[in-house]
Amino acid sequence: QVQLVESGGGLVQPGGSLRLSCAVSGSILSMNAMGWYRQAPGKQRDMVAIFIGGTRTDYADSVKGRFTISRGNAKNTVYLQMNSLKPEDTAVYYCYAEVLYRGYWGQGTQVTVSS
């Protein structure tokens, strides 16, 4: 079993920063991808930032230059540093991991950007 636990969401003013963390546990030796998605009310869940194959990273156009994905030294933790936050970044953010080509999701953490 693979489990993902997120932390770090909250309320922040426009222009502010937040850092999300996700710890992945279980059988993760064959992890193909690891990253973050988000889902705003009434919208589909979209990719925000992701590591693919351990080396390549990909970002949504809307967050390029503002968000940075990184991994811990043990490779089982992924972070999302979010800077210059905008109201349109408000969403539930989900950690995602793909192990042996099967996807796993965290429980989600709410990020609200509002003055």
C-alpha atoms as a PDB file:
ATOM      1  CA  GLN A   1       0.000   0.000   0.000  1.00  0.00           C
ATOM      2  CA  VAL A   2       1.108   3.541  -0.766  1.00  0.00           C
ATOM      3  CA  GLN A   3       0.013   6.367   1.487  1.00  0.00           C
ATOM      4  CA  LEU A   4       0.405  10.101   0.948  1.00  0.00           C
ATOM      5  CA  VAL A   5       0.035  12.704   3.685  1.00  0.00           C
ATOM      6  CA  GLU A   6      -0.043  16.402   2.822  1.00  0.00           C
ATOM      7  CA  SER A   7       0.443  19.421   5.020  1.00  0.00           C
ATOM      8  CA  GLY A   8       0.975  23.147   4.720  1.00  0.00           C
ATOM      9  CA  GLY A   9      -2.219  24.579   3.283  1.00  0.00           C
ATOM     10  CA  GLY A  10      -4.011  27.592   4.674  1.00  0.00           C
ATOM     11  CA  LEU A  11      -5.194  31.139   4.083  1.00  0.00           C
ATOM     12  CA  VAL A  12      -2.805  33.650   2.573  1.00  0.00           C
ATOM     13  CA  GLN A  13      -3.132  37.129   1.101  1.00  0.00           C
ATOM     14  CA  PRO A  14      -2.518  37.782  -2.588  1.00  0.00           C
ATOM     15  CA  GLY A  15       1.205  38.037  -3.241  1.00  0.00           C
ATOM     16  CA  GLY A  16       2.015  35.814  -0.302  1.00  0.00           C
ATOM     17  CA  SER A  17       3.729  32.435  -0.121  1.00  0.00           C
ATOM     18  CA  LEU A  18       2.964  28.955   1.135  1.00  0.00           C
ATOM     19  CA  ARG A  19       4.892  25.707   1.153  1.00  0.00           C
ATOM     20  CA  LEU A  20       3.115  22.389   0.813  1.00  0.00           C
ATOM     21  CA  SER A  21       4.687  19.108   1.916  1.00  0.00           C
ATOM     22  CA  CYS A  22       3.795  15.526   1.073  1.00  0.00           C
ATOM     23  CA  ALA A  23       5.260  12.422   2.660  1.00  0.00           C
ATOM     24  CA  VAL A  24       4.894   9.174   0.737  1.00  0.00           C
ATOM     25  CA  SER A  25       5.139   5.839   2.524  1.00  0.00           C
ATOM     26  CA  GLY A  26       4.755   2.202   1.565  1.00  0.00           C
ATOM     27  CA  SER A  27       6.103   0.291  -1.415  1.00  0.00           C
ATOM     28  CA  ILE A  28       7.599   3.145  -3.418  1.00  0.00           C
ATOM     29  CA  LEU A  29      10.722   1.600  -4.911  1.00  0.00           C
ATOM     30  CA  SER A  30       9.209   1.779  -8.397  1.00  0.00           C
ATOM     31  CA  MET A  31       7.799   5.287  -8.263  1.00  0.00           C
ATOM     32  CA  ASN A  32       7.315   6.620 -11.781  1.00  0.00           C
ATOM     33  CA  ALA A  33       5.996  10.095 -10.938  1.00  0.00           C
ATOM     34  CA  MET A  34       5.370  12.333  -7.956  1.00  0.00           C
ATOM     35  CA  GLY A  35       3.836  15.749  -7.753  1.00  0.00           C
ATOM     36  CA  TRP A  36       0.889  18.048  -7.175  1.00  0.00           C
ATOM     37  CA  TYR A  37      -2.551  18.579  -8.653  1.00  0.00           C
ATOM     38  CA  ARG A  38      -5.266  21.039  -7.668  1.00  0.00           C
ATOM     39  CA  GLN A  39      -9.017  21.272  -7.958  1.00  0.00           C
ATOM     40  CA  ALA A  40     -10.995  24.479  -7.644  1.00  0.00           C
ATOM     41  CA  PRO A  41     -14.748  24.401  -6.910  1.00  0.00           C
ATOM     42  CA  GLY A  42     -16.712  23.326  -9.974  1.00  0.00           C
ATOM     43  CA  LYS A  43     -13.569  22.589 -11.994  1.00  0.00           C
ATOM     44  CA  GLN A  44     -11.607  19.499 -12.922  1.00  0.00           C
ATOM     45  CA  ARG A  45      -8.471  18.387 -11.159  1.00  0.00           C
ATOM     46  CA  ASP A  46      -5.412  19.715 -13.002  1.00  0.00           C
ATOM     47  CA  MET A  47      -1.703  19.078 -12.796  1.00  0.00           C
ATOM     48  CA  VAL A  48       0.262  21.846 -11.084  1.00  0.00           C
ATOM     49  CA  ALA A  49       3.814  20.492 -10.913  1.00  0.00           C
ATOM     50  CA  ILE A  50       5.246  17.015 -11.220  1.00  0.00           C
ATOM     51  CA  PHE A  51       8.434  14.976 -11.290  1.00  0.00           C
ATOM     52  CA  ILE A  52       8.430  12.367 -14.030  1.00  0.00           C
ATOM     53  CA  GLY A  53      10.885   9.491 -14.083  1.00  0.00           C
ATOM     54  CA  GLY A  54      12.918  10.987 -11.262  1.00  0.00           C
ATOM     55  CA  THR A  55      14.602  13.672 -13.362  1.00  0.00           C
ATOM     56  CA  ARG A  56      12.159  15.580 -15.540  1.00  0.00           C
ATOM     57  CA  THR A  57       9.835  18.211 -14.086  1.00  0.00           C
ATOM     58  CA  ASP A  58       6.722  19.719 -15.613  1.00  0.00           C
ATOM     59  CA  TYR A  59       4.677  22.749 -14.554  1.00  0.00           C
ATOM     60  CA  ALA A  60       1.296  24.126 -15.500  1.00  0.00           C
ATOM     61  CA  ASP A  61       1.715  27.310 -17.544  1.00  0.00           C
ATOM     62  CA  SER A  62      -0.272  29.270 -14.973  1.00  0.00           C
ATOM     63  CA  VAL A  63       2.281  28.616 -12.212  1.00  0.00           C
ATOM     64  CA  LYS A  64       5.588  28.749 -14.093  1.00  0.00           C
ATOM     65  CA  GLY A  65       7.975  31.192 -12.477  1.00  0.00           C
ATOM     66  CA  ARG A  66       5.930  31.291  -9.253  1.00  0.00           C
ATOM     67  CA  PHE A  67       5.823  27.693  -8.007  1.00  0.00           C
ATOM     68  CA  THR A  68       8.742  25.331  -7.471  1.00  0.00           C
ATOM     69  CA  ILE A  69       8.553  21.587  -6.905  1.00  0.00           C
ATOM     70  CA  SER A  70      11.351  19.854  -5.018  1.00  0.00           C
ATOM     71  CA  ARG A  71      12.102  16.572  -3.298  1.00  0.00           C
ATOM     72  CA  GLY A  72      13.620  15.680   0.022  1.00  0.00           C
ATOM     73  CA  ASN A  73      16.922  13.842   0.309  1.00  0.00           C
ATOM     74  CA  ALA A  74      15.149  10.544   0.971  1.00  0.00           C
ATOM     75  CA  LYS A  75      13.140  10.996  -2.260  1.00  0.00           C
ATOM     76  CA  ASN A  76       9.914  10.058  -0.493  1.00  0.00           C
ATOM     77  CA  THR A  77       8.938  13.635   0.275  1.00  0.00           C
ATOM     78  CA  VAL A  78       7.848  16.238  -2.224  1.00  0.00           C
ATOM     79  CA  TYR A  79       7.385  19.952  -1.646  1.00  0.00           C
ATOM     80  CA  LEU A  80       5.614  22.722  -3.491  1.00  0.00           C
ATOM     81  CA  GLN A  81       6.872  26.220  -2.817  1.00  0.00           C
ATOM     82  CA  MET A  82       4.220  28.679  -3.938  1.00  0.00           C
ATOM     83  CA  ASN A  83       5.163  32.342  -4.289  1.00  0.00           C
ATOM     84  CA  SER A  84       3.296  35.372  -5.603  1.00  0.00           C
ATOM     85  CA  LEU A  85       0.009  33.644  -4.917  1.00  0.00           C
ATOM     86  CA  LYS A  86      -3.102  34.846  -6.699  1.00  0.00           C
ATOM     87  CA  PRO A  87      -6.790  34.425  -5.853  1.00  0.00           C
ATOM     88  CA  GLU A  88      -7.095  32.061  -8.816  1.00  0.00           C
ATOM     89  CA  ASP A  89      -4.658  29.699  -7.085  1.00  0.00           C
ATOM     90  CA  THR A  90      -7.371  28.967  -4.526  1.00  0.00           C
ATOM     91  CA  ALA A  91      -8.101  25.251  -4.636  1.00  0.00           C
ATOM     92  CA  VAL A  92      -7.688  21.956  -2.858  1.00  0.00           C
ATOM     93  CA  TYR A  93      -4.171  20.751  -3.575  1.00  0.00           C
ATOM     94  CA  TYR A  94      -3.574  17.021  -3.869  1.00  0.00           C
ATOM     95  CA  CYS A  95      -0.323  15.144  -3.696  1.00  0.00           C
ATOM     96  CA  TYR A  96       0.001  12.433  -6.348  1.00  0.00           C
ATOM     97  CA  ALA A  97       2.336   9.479  -6.720  1.00  0.00           C
ATOM     98  CA  GLU A  98       2.479   6.862  -9.449  1.00  0.00           C
ATOM     99  CA  VAL A  99       3.948   3.535  -8.420  1.00  0.00           C
ATOM    100  CA  LEU A 100       4.184   0.692 -10.933  1.00  0.00           C
ATOM    101  CA  TYR A 101       1.905   2.779 -13.182  1.00  0.00           C
ATOM    102  CA  ARG A 102      -0.865   2.971 -10.603  1.00  0.00           C
ATOM    103  CA  GLY A 103      -1.880   6.381  -9.253  1.00  0.00           C
ATOM    104  CA  TYR A 104      -2.303   7.267  -5.581  1.00  0.00           C
ATOM    105  CA  TRP A 105      -3.705  10.440  -4.052  1.00  0.00           C
ATOM    106  CA  GLY A 106      -3.398  12.249  -0.770  1.00  0.00           C
ATOM    107  CA  GLN A 107      -6.409  13.551   1.104  1.00  0.00           C
ATOM    108  CA  GLY A 108      -5.933  17.100  -0.143  1.00  0.00           C
ATOM    109  CA  THR A 109      -5.102  20.370   1.581  1.00  0.00           C
ATOM    110  CA  GLN A 110      -7.003  23.617   1.122  1.00  0.00           C
ATOM    111  CA  VAL A 111      -5.176  26.688  -0.139  1.00  0.00           C
ATOM    112  CA  THR A 112      -7.152  29.932  -0.058  1.00  0.00           C
ATOM    113  CA  VAL A 113      -5.742  33.150  -1.452  1.00  0.00           C
ATOM    114  CA  SER A 114      -7.821  36.104  -0.337  1.00  0.00           C
ATOM    115  CA  SER A 115      -7.495  39.534   1.178  1.00  0.00           C
END
